[in-house]
């Protein structure tokens, strides 16, 4: 109970005919754990911003999670004094991106991909442009951390645009690991 350990989670995507969830207990969070488990895997890996995933072989293409990004900006708002929070929210581009995804949910993958490129990509490019105007944010502040995450994860965050089977976030995996998190908190 006093040692720190990790539960690694691997699961199939939302379009899998037979969803599979695999858990792997490991004593460390080293990237070698994922590399060993995924040794014979080739394809998309939806993940949080853990940099260890970015050192995996090139046949494993990491896709970033927009829900993590949104959470970072929500934390930036929450870090403000209460009297400064009014009218302050995550950048509009985040809300627009999630709204577009909801509208595209029932489309076939090919059409979803086309629509993402036409509708979501300009919104996301505008978000990155907005972030570049915020270079005065203190790096250690909550806003500075959110902006850093956005810039560092950008290549992985936009990967979902190129394949209509990919999701904008990895919430499906987050829900699968929730029992462990709740147990740990209790």
Protein backbone atom coordinates (compact mmCIF):
# COMPACT_ATOMS: atom_id res chain seq x y z
CA UNK A 1 0.00 0.00 0.00
CA UNK A 2 2.95 2.33 0.49
CA UNK A 3 4.79 1.57 -2.73
CA UNK A 4 4.12 3.34 -5.98
CA UNK A 5 3.14 1.08 -8.86
CA UNK A 6 1.34 1.43 -12.18
CA UNK A 7 -1.49 -0.23 -14.01
CA UNK A 8 -0.95 0.02 -17.76
CA UNK A 9 -4.07 -0.18 -19.87
CA UNK A 10 -4.41 -1.24 -23.50
CA UNK A 11 -7.75 -1.45 -25.26
CA UNK A 12 -9.22 -1.71 -28.70
CA UNK A 13 -10.77 1.30 -30.40
CA UNK A 14 -14.43 2.21 -30.38
CA UNK A 15 -15.13 0.55 -33.71
CA UNK A 16 -13.87 -2.90 -32.63
CA UNK A 17 -16.42 -5.66 -33.17
CA UNK A 18 -15.23 -7.37 -29.98
CA UNK A 19 -13.78 -4.77 -27.59
CA UNK A 20 -10.80 -5.93 -25.59
CA UNK A 21 -9.34 -4.31 -22.48
CA UNK A 22 -5.98 -5.51 -21.19
CA UNK A 23 -4.40 -4.45 -17.90
CA UNK A 24 -0.75 -4.89 -17.06
CA UNK A 25 0.59 -4.26 -13.57
CA UNK A 26 4.12 -2.84 -13.57
CA UNK A 27 6.24 -1.46 -10.73
CA UNK A 28 7.46 1.49 -12.84
CA UNK A 29 6.19 3.93 -15.45
CA UNK A 30 9.21 3.48 -17.70
CA UNK A 31 8.61 3.62 -21.44
CA UNK A 32 10.20 0.18 -21.76
CA UNK A 33 7.01 -1.31 -20.29
CA UNK A 34 4.91 -0.09 -23.21
CA UNK A 35 7.65 -0.98 -25.70
CA UNK A 36 7.79 -4.57 -24.42
CA UNK A 37 4.02 -5.00 -24.36
CA UNK A 38 3.58 -3.50 -27.82
CA UNK A 39 6.60 -5.25 -29.33
CA UNK A 40 4.66 -6.94 -32.15
CA UNK A 41 2.01 -4.21 -32.49
CA UNK A 42 1.79 -1.90 -35.47
CA UNK A 43 -0.81 0.85 -35.74
CA UNK A 44 -2.36 3.75 -33.87
CA UNK A 45 -1.85 4.22 -30.13
CA UNK A 46 -4.16 6.75 -28.51
CA UNK A 47 -2.43 8.05 -25.42
CA UNK A 48 -2.06 10.81 -22.89
CA UNK A 49 0.92 13.16 -23.15
CA UNK A 50 3.42 10.80 -21.52
CA UNK A 51 6.66 11.39 -23.42
CA UNK A 52 7.67 7.73 -23.14
CA UNK A 53 5.15 6.84 -25.84
CA UNK A 54 6.95 9.15 -28.24
CA UNK A 55 10.03 6.92 -28.08
CA UNK A 56 8.18 3.86 -29.35
CA UNK A 57 9.10 2.43 -32.79
CA UNK A 58 7.85 4.31 -35.86
CA UNK A 59 5.34 1.56 -36.70
CA UNK A 60 3.39 2.70 -33.60
CA UNK A 61 1.86 6.08 -34.35
CA UNK A 62 0.85 7.96 -31.22
CA UNK A 63 -2.39 9.97 -31.27
CA UNK A 64 -2.81 12.70 -28.66
CA UNK A 65 -5.82 13.32 -26.46
CA UNK A 66 -7.74 16.59 -26.72
CA UNK A 67 -9.53 15.90 -23.42
CA UNK A 68 -6.17 16.15 -21.62
CA UNK A 69 -5.52 19.45 -23.37
CA UNK A 70 -8.93 20.77 -22.40
CA UNK A 71 -8.32 19.70 -18.78
CA UNK A 72 -5.07 21.69 -18.74
CA UNK A 73 -6.90 24.84 -19.83
CA UNK A 74 -9.70 24.21 -17.32
CA UNK A 75 -7.02 23.94 -14.60
CA UNK A 76 -5.63 27.29 -15.77
CA UNK A 77 -9.04 28.88 -15.25
CA UNK A 78 -9.44 27.18 -11.86
CA UNK A 79 -6.04 28.56 -10.79
CA UNK A 80 -7.30 32.12 -11.17
CA UNK A 81 -8.73 33.96 -8.17
CA UNK A 82 -12.51 33.54 -8.11
CA UNK A 83 -13.16 37.19 -8.95
CA UNK A 84 -11.13 36.82 -12.19
CA UNK A 85 -12.82 33.65 -13.48
CA UNK A 86 -15.97 35.31 -14.83
CA UNK A 87 -15.95 35.21 -18.63
CA UNK A 88 -12.73 33.22 -18.62
CA UNK A 89 -12.84 29.74 -20.11
CA UNK A 90 -10.83 27.32 -22.18
CA UNK A 91 -10.10 28.72 -25.63
CA UNK A 92 -13.11 28.76 -27.91
CA UNK A 93 -11.32 26.47 -30.38
CA UNK A 94 -11.48 23.60 -27.90
CA UNK A 95 -15.24 23.87 -27.55
CA UNK A 96 -15.62 24.15 -31.33
CA UNK A 97 -13.46 21.07 -31.93
CA UNK A 98 -15.52 18.93 -29.55
CA UNK A 99 -18.76 20.27 -31.01
CA UNK A 100 -17.69 19.37 -34.54
CA UNK A 101 -16.78 15.86 -33.39
CA UNK A 102 -20.25 15.39 -31.92
CA UNK A 103 -21.80 16.40 -35.24
CA UNK A 104 -19.58 13.95 -37.15
CA UNK A 105 -20.11 11.00 -34.80
CA UNK A 106 -22.44 8.97 -37.02
CA UNK A 107 -20.60 9.44 -40.31
CA UNK A 108 -18.59 6.72 -42.05
CA UNK A 109 -14.81 7.04 -41.39
CA UNK A 110 -13.98 8.35 -44.89
CA UNK A 111 -16.56 11.13 -44.69
CA UNK A 112 -15.60 11.95 -41.10
CA UNK A 113 -11.99 12.37 -42.22
CA UNK A 114 -13.01 14.71 -45.06
CA UNK A 115 -15.20 16.77 -42.73
CA UNK A 116 -12.46 16.98 -40.11
CA UNK A 117 -10.01 18.35 -42.63
CA UNK A 118 -12.54 20.87 -43.92
CA UNK A 119 -14.03 21.93 -40.58
CA UNK A 120 -11.82 20.93 -37.64
CA UNK A 121 -8.38 21.64 -39.05
CA UNK A 122 -8.99 25.41 -39.50
CA UNK A 123 -10.35 25.60 -35.93
CA UNK A 124 -7.31 23.78 -34.59
CA UNK A 125 -4.88 25.86 -36.62
CA UNK A 126 -6.55 28.98 -35.19
CA UNK A 127 -6.11 27.55 -31.68
CA UNK A 128 -2.39 27.08 -32.27
CA UNK A 129 -2.11 30.61 -33.67
CA UNK A 130 -3.94 31.92 -30.57
CA UNK A 131 -1.52 29.99 -28.33
CA UNK A 132 1.45 31.59 -30.06
CA UNK A 133 0.12 35.03 -29.08
CA UNK A 134 0.25 34.02 -25.41
CA UNK A 135 4.03 33.74 -25.22
CA UNK A 136 4.05 36.14 -22.24
CA UNK A 137 2.39 33.52 -20.00
CA UNK A 138 4.61 32.53 -17.09
CA UNK A 139 5.89 29.01 -17.91
CA UNK A 140 5.25 27.62 -14.40
CA UNK A 141 1.72 29.08 -14.27
CA UNK A 142 -1.28 26.88 -15.05
CA UNK A 143 -1.79 28.76 -18.33
CA UNK A 144 1.89 28.40 -19.17
CA UNK A 145 1.70 24.65 -18.56
CA UNK A 146 -1.42 24.35 -20.73
CA UNK A 147 0.25 26.27 -23.55
CA UNK A 148 3.40 24.16 -23.25
CA UNK A 149 1.32 20.97 -23.42
CA UNK A 150 -0.46 22.27 -26.53
CA UNK A 151 2.80 23.10 -28.32
CA UNK A 152 4.62 19.92 -27.31
CA UNK A 153 1.73 17.60 -28.11
CA UNK A 154 0.60 19.34 -31.30
CA UNK A 155 1.99 16.75 -33.76
CA UNK A 156 0.17 14.00 -31.84
CA UNK A 157 -3.01 15.99 -31.19
CA UNK A 158 -3.66 16.63 -34.88
CA UNK A 159 -3.07 13.04 -36.01
CA UNK A 160 -6.72 12.13 -35.53
CA UNK A 161 -7.55 14.47 -38.44
CA UNK A 162 -6.03 12.05 -40.94
CA UNK A 163 -8.08 8.96 -40.12
CA UNK A 164 -11.83 8.93 -39.58
CA UNK A 165 -11.61 5.86 -37.32
CA UNK A 166 -9.58 7.73 -34.71
CA UNK A 167 -11.19 9.63 -31.87
CA UNK A 168 -10.45 13.13 -30.61
CA UNK A 169 -9.77 11.80 -27.12
CA UNK A 170 -8.95 8.60 -25.29
CA UNK A 171 -11.85 8.80 -22.83
CA UNK A 172 -12.80 5.20 -23.58
CA UNK A 173 -9.49 4.07 -22.05
CA UNK A 174 -9.90 6.53 -19.18
CA UNK A 175 -13.25 4.98 -18.29
CA UNK A 176 -11.66 1.52 -18.36
CA UNK A 177 -8.99 2.49 -15.84
CA UNK A 178 -11.40 4.40 -13.58
CA UNK A 179 -12.05 1.45 -11.20
CA UNK A 180 -8.35 1.41 -10.29
CA UNK A 181 -8.27 5.16 -9.76
CA UNK A 182 -11.39 5.10 -7.58
CA UNK A 183 -10.03 2.19 -5.56
CA UNK A 184 -6.75 4.02 -5.04
CA UNK A 185 -8.56 7.16 -3.87
CA UNK A 186 -10.69 5.17 -1.43
